[in-house]
Amino acid sequence: LLEERRRNFVLVEESGGPHAFIGSTIVVEHDGDMLTYALVGSTESDPASGRISIDSPVGAALVGASAGSEVDVRTPRGAVRYRVIEVR
């Protein structure tokens, strides 16, 4: 598993301001609630603890988002809109 991760390693460089990517913590607003998520790989995912996979519908939609943007996500329960408050 570790060797596979090393072979598939990609260095992500930030440019033009903070954008969400794997390893980021992102604060979003949805229906008046503030939610904080850590964007992680699928093997580290624990949605109950706020650690969401970048392969999940919400995680995939948040990758590349920056503060002030709005993100629409198609979930099994229907469309959901998140407003990005902060990326760190």
N, C-alpha and C. Protein backbone atom coordinates (compact mmCIF):
# COMPACT_ATOMS: atom_id res chain seq x y z
N LEU A 1 0.83 -1.20 0.00
CA LEU A 1 0.00 0.00 0.00
C LEU A 1 0.87 1.26 0.00
N LEU A 2 1.90 1.28 0.82
CA LEU A 2 2.79 2.44 0.87
C LEU A 2 3.52 2.63 -0.46
N GLU A 3 4.00 1.54 -1.04
CA GLU A 3 4.68 1.64 -2.34
C GLU A 3 3.73 2.17 -3.41
N GLU A 4 2.49 1.74 -3.39
CA GLU A 4 1.50 2.22 -4.37
C GLU A 4 1.28 3.72 -4.19
N ARG A 5 1.18 4.18 -2.96
CA ARG A 5 1.01 5.60 -2.72
C ARG A 5 2.21 6.40 -3.22
N ARG A 6 3.40 5.87 -3.00
CA ARG A 6 4.60 6.55 -3.47
C ARG A 6 4.62 6.64 -4.99
N ARG A 7 4.20 5.59 -5.68
CA ARG A 7 4.19 5.61 -7.15
C ARG A 7 3.17 6.61 -7.68
N ASN A 8 2.07 6.81 -6.95
CA ASN A 8 1.00 7.69 -7.42
C ASN A 8 1.04 9.07 -6.79
N PHE A 9 2.11 9.39 -6.09
CA PHE A 9 2.25 10.67 -5.41
C PHE A 9 2.23 11.81 -6.41
N VAL A 10 1.47 12.85 -6.09
CA VAL A 10 1.43 14.05 -6.92
C VAL A 10 1.61 15.25 -6.00
N LEU A 11 2.56 16.10 -6.28
CA LEU A 11 2.78 17.30 -5.50
C LEU A 11 1.83 18.38 -6.01
N VAL A 12 1.07 18.95 -5.10
CA VAL A 12 0.12 19.99 -5.45
C VAL A 12 0.68 21.31 -4.97
N GLU A 13 0.83 22.24 -5.89
CA GLU A 13 1.33 23.56 -5.53
C GLU A 13 0.19 24.55 -5.59
N GLU A 14 0.13 25.39 -4.58
CA GLU A 14 -0.92 26.40 -4.50
C GLU A 14 -0.53 27.60 -5.34
N SER A 15 -1.49 28.13 -6.09
CA SER A 15 -1.22 29.34 -6.87
C SER A 15 -2.46 30.20 -6.92
N GLY A 16 -2.29 31.50 -6.77
CA GLY A 16 -3.41 32.42 -6.90
C GLY A 16 -4.37 32.41 -5.73
N GLY A 17 -3.97 31.99 -4.56
CA GLY A 17 -4.83 31.98 -3.40
C GLY A 17 -5.19 30.58 -2.99
N PRO A 18 -5.70 30.46 -1.77
CA PRO A 18 -5.98 29.11 -1.26
C PRO A 18 -7.16 28.45 -1.96
N HIS A 19 -6.90 27.31 -2.50
CA HIS A 19 -7.93 26.47 -3.11
C HIS A 19 -7.91 25.14 -2.37
N ALA A 20 -9.05 24.53 -2.22
CA ALA A 20 -9.15 23.27 -1.50
C ALA A 20 -8.53 22.13 -2.31
N PHE A 21 -7.79 21.29 -1.63
CA PHE A 21 -7.21 20.10 -2.24
C PHE A 21 -7.03 19.08 -1.13
N ILE A 22 -6.59 17.89 -1.46
CA ILE A 22 -6.40 16.87 -0.45
C ILE A 22 -5.47 17.40 0.63
N GLY A 23 -5.87 17.26 1.88
CA GLY A 23 -5.12 17.78 3.00
C GLY A 23 -5.65 19.11 3.52
N SER A 24 -6.51 19.76 2.76
CA SER A 24 -7.08 21.03 3.19
C SER A 24 -8.19 20.81 4.22
N THR A 25 -8.36 21.82 5.05
CA THR A 25 -9.55 21.90 5.90
C THR A 25 -10.40 22.99 5.30
N ILE A 26 -11.68 22.72 5.14
CA ILE A 26 -12.57 23.66 4.47
C ILE A 26 -13.81 23.87 5.32
N VAL A 27 -14.17 25.14 5.50
CA VAL A 27 -15.37 25.50 6.25
C VAL A 27 -16.42 25.94 5.24
N VAL A 28 -17.59 25.33 5.32
CA VAL A 28 -18.67 25.64 4.39
C VAL A 28 -19.93 25.97 5.16
N GLU A 29 -20.83 26.67 4.49
CA GLU A 29 -22.14 26.97 5.07
C GLU A 29 -23.19 26.27 4.23
N HIS A 30 -24.12 25.62 4.89
CA HIS A 30 -25.23 24.95 4.22
C HIS A 30 -26.48 25.11 5.06
N ASP A 31 -27.50 25.74 4.49
CA ASP A 31 -28.77 25.97 5.20
C ASP A 31 -28.56 26.62 6.57
N GLY A 32 -27.64 27.57 6.65
CA GLY A 32 -27.39 28.28 7.90
C GLY A 32 -26.46 27.58 8.87
N ASP A 33 -26.06 26.36 8.57
CA ASP A 33 -25.14 25.62 9.43
C ASP A 33 -23.72 25.74 8.90
N MET A 34 -22.77 25.92 9.81
CA MET A 34 -21.36 25.93 9.45
C MET A 34 -20.82 24.53 9.65
N LEU A 35 -20.16 24.01 8.63
CA LEU A 35 -19.60 22.66 8.66
C LEU A 35 -18.12 22.74 8.33
N THR A 36 -17.33 21.96 9.03
CA THR A 36 -15.89 21.91 8.77
C THR A 36 -15.52 20.51 8.33
N TYR A 37 -14.84 20.43 7.20
CA TYR A 37 -14.42 19.14 6.64
C TYR A 37 -12.92 19.14 6.40
N ALA A 38 -12.31 18.01 6.62
CA ALA A 38 -10.93 17.77 6.18
C ALA A 38 -11.02 16.92 4.93
N LEU A 39 -10.38 17.35 3.85
CA LEU A 39 -10.41 16.59 2.61
C LEU A 39 -9.26 15.58 2.63
N VAL A 40 -9.61 14.30 2.56
CA VAL A 40 -8.63 13.22 2.69
C VAL A 40 -8.80 12.21 1.57
N GLY A 41 -7.87 11.28 1.49
CA GLY A 41 -7.97 10.18 0.55
C GLY A 41 -9.01 9.18 1.03
N SER A 42 -9.40 8.29 0.15
CA SER A 42 -10.48 7.34 0.47
C SER A 42 -10.12 6.42 1.63
N THR A 43 -8.85 6.10 1.82
CA THR A 43 -8.48 5.20 2.91
C THR A 43 -8.51 5.88 4.27
N GLU A 44 -8.57 7.22 4.30
CA GLU A 44 -8.58 7.97 5.55
C GLU A 44 -9.95 8.53 5.89
N SER A 45 -10.91 8.27 5.05
CA SER A 45 -12.24 8.85 5.19
C SER A 45 -12.93 8.39 6.47
N ASP A 46 -13.56 9.35 7.16
CA ASP A 46 -14.38 9.09 8.34
C ASP A 46 -15.41 10.22 8.43
N PRO A 47 -16.48 10.13 7.64
CA PRO A 47 -17.44 11.22 7.57
C PRO A 47 -18.00 11.65 8.93
N ALA A 48 -18.18 10.73 9.85
CA ALA A 48 -18.70 11.08 11.17
C ALA A 48 -17.76 12.01 11.93
N SER A 49 -16.48 11.98 11.57
CA SER A 49 -15.48 12.85 12.21
C SER A 49 -15.14 14.05 11.35
N GLY A 50 -15.88 14.26 10.26
CA GLY A 50 -15.63 15.40 9.39
C GLY A 50 -14.50 15.20 8.41
N ARG A 51 -14.04 13.96 8.23
CA ARG A 51 -12.97 13.65 7.28
C ARG A 51 -13.62 13.02 6.05
N ILE A 52 -13.74 13.79 4.97
CA ILE A 52 -14.42 13.29 3.78
C ILE A 52 -13.44 13.05 2.65
N SER A 53 -13.69 11.99 1.93
CA SER A 53 -12.84 11.58 0.83
C SER A 53 -13.03 12.52 -0.36
N ILE A 54 -11.93 12.79 -1.05
CA ILE A 54 -12.03 13.59 -2.27
C ILE A 54 -12.70 12.80 -3.38
N ASP A 55 -12.94 11.50 -3.16
CA ASP A 55 -13.65 10.67 -4.13
C ASP A 55 -15.15 10.65 -3.88
N SER A 56 -15.60 11.20 -2.74
CA SER A 56 -17.03 11.26 -2.45
C SER A 56 -17.65 12.40 -3.24
N PRO A 57 -18.97 12.42 -3.42
CA PRO A 57 -19.59 13.52 -4.17
C PRO A 57 -19.28 14.90 -3.58
N VAL A 58 -19.37 15.03 -2.26
CA VAL A 58 -19.11 16.33 -1.63
C VAL A 58 -17.62 16.68 -1.74
N GLY A 59 -16.76 15.74 -1.40
CA GLY A 59 -15.32 15.99 -1.47
C GLY A 59 -14.86 16.35 -2.86
N ALA A 60 -15.33 15.61 -3.85
CA ALA A 60 -14.94 15.89 -5.24
C ALA A 60 -15.40 17.28 -5.68
N ALA A 61 -16.58 17.69 -5.25
CA ALA A 61 -17.09 19.00 -5.63
C ALA A 61 -16.31 20.13 -4.96
N LEU A 62 -15.78 19.88 -3.75
CA LEU A 62 -15.07 20.92 -3.02
C LEU A 62 -13.62 21.08 -3.46
N VAL A 63 -13.04 20.07 -4.10
CA VAL A 63 -11.66 20.19 -4.58
C VAL A 63 -11.58 21.33 -5.60
N GLY A 64 -10.67 22.24 -5.36
CA GLY A 64 -10.49 23.39 -6.24
C GLY A 64 -11.30 24.61 -5.83
N ALA A 65 -12.20 24.47 -4.86
CA ALA A 65 -13.02 25.60 -4.42
C ALA A 65 -12.18 26.55 -3.58
N SER A 66 -12.60 27.80 -3.55
CA SER A 66 -11.92 28.81 -2.74
C SER A 66 -12.97 29.59 -1.96
N ALA A 67 -12.52 30.34 -0.95
CA ALA A 67 -13.44 31.11 -0.11
C ALA A 67 -14.30 32.03 -0.97
N GLY A 68 -15.58 32.06 -0.68
CA GLY A 68 -16.53 32.89 -1.41
C GLY A 68 -17.24 32.18 -2.54
N SER A 69 -16.74 31.01 -2.94
CA SER A 69 -17.38 30.30 -4.03
C SER A 69 -18.56 29.48 -3.53
N GLU A 70 -19.45 29.16 -4.43
CA GLU A 70 -20.58 28.28 -4.13
C GLU A 70 -20.42 27.01 -4.95
N VAL A 71 -20.72 25.90 -4.31
CA VAL A 71 -20.52 24.60 -4.94
C VAL A 71 -21.82 23.82 -4.88
N ASP A 72 -22.26 23.32 -6.02
CA ASP A 72 -23.44 22.47 -6.07
C ASP A 72 -23.00 21.02 -6.12
N VAL A 73 -23.63 20.20 -5.30
CA VAL A 73 -23.26 18.79 -5.19
C VAL A 73 -24.49 17.93 -5.42
N ARG A 74 -24.34 16.95 -6.28
CA ARG A 74 -25.41 15.96 -6.47
C ARG A 74 -25.15 14.82 -5.50
N THR A 75 -26.07 14.62 -4.58
CA THR A 75 -25.95 13.55 -3.61
C THR A 75 -27.10 12.57 -3.82
N PRO A 76 -27.02 11.40 -3.21
CA PRO A 76 -28.14 10.45 -3.33
C PRO A 76 -29.47 11.03 -2.83
N ARG A 77 -29.39 12.02 -1.95
CA ARG A 77 -30.61 12.65 -1.42
C ARG A 77 -31.06 13.86 -2.23
N GLY A 78 -30.33 14.20 -3.29
CA GLY A 78 -30.68 15.34 -4.12
C GLY A 78 -29.58 16.38 -4.14
N ALA A 79 -29.83 17.47 -4.85
CA ALA A 79 -28.82 18.53 -5.00
C ALA A 79 -28.67 19.32 -3.71
N VAL A 80 -27.42 19.65 -3.40
CA VAL A 80 -27.09 20.42 -2.20
C VAL A 80 -26.13 21.53 -2.62
N ARG A 81 -26.34 22.73 -2.07
CA ARG A 81 -25.44 23.84 -2.36
C ARG A 81 -24.68 24.22 -1.09
N TYR A 82 -23.36 24.34 -1.25
CA TYR A 82 -22.49 24.77 -0.15
C TYR A 82 -21.86 26.10 -0.53
N ARG A 83 -21.74 26.99 0.44
CA ARG A 83 -20.98 28.23 0.24
C ARG A 83 -19.68 28.08 1.01
N VAL A 84 -18.56 28.25 0.34
CA VAL A 84 -17.25 28.07 0.96
C VAL A 84 -16.91 29.33 1.74
N ILE A 85 -16.67 29.15 3.05
CA ILE A 85 -16.34 30.27 3.93
C ILE A 85 -14.83 30.43 4.05
N GLU A 86 -14.12 29.31 4.22
CA GLU A 86 -12.68 29.38 4.46
C GLU A 86 -12.01 28.10 3.98
N VAL A 87 -10.81 28.25 3.46
CA VAL A 87 -9.97 27.10 3.08
C VAL A 87 -8.65 27.30 3.80
N ARG A 88 -8.24 26.25 4.51
CA ARG A 88 -6.93 26.35 5.19
C ARG A 88 -6.19 25.05 5.09
